[in-house]
């Protein structure tokens, strides 16, 4: 699948089959996330792979828009660690690029995924920190539930979202 197909087929998948995702494929998806650009190549991201069913079941208690994680076989929690970085305030952009790479790699591998935001919501960050023993200096940024979609044809259908009215030339 070329990059344009992956972009056009990427959807927020919220309904998963029970089939687990192999650990080597999860590693491959995280490797794709780590290929993202970052300010000064500082790579402030950290990844927590969660497969423990009891932990996955706890996430909706602090994240009201992440109920689908209870169906997922895996969740990847993307965190930002600005400690000691030359541009510590740019970690959210860096982590956003990593999440986007992860989502595109997932669709290219036939894996469903959805980006659920954690940062900057204090209650969501606190819940992540408590559940996953994340240090206070590290920011839980997003939870990405992963799984094989129950309906792959629907989950990966192409959609054209281009809107020329949103483009401005030279000035707004």
Foldseek 3Di string as FASTA:
>chain_A
DDLVLLVQQQDQFLAFDQDADDPVLVVVLLVQLLVFDFVVSPSQKDKDKDQPLVLLCCLCVQAVPSNSSNSFRIKIWIKGQLPPPPCSVRRLVSNVRSVVSSRSSCVVVQKHKHKGFQPPDPSNQVSCCVSPVDDPNMGRGTMIGIHHHPDSCVSRPGDDPDDPVVDDPPDD
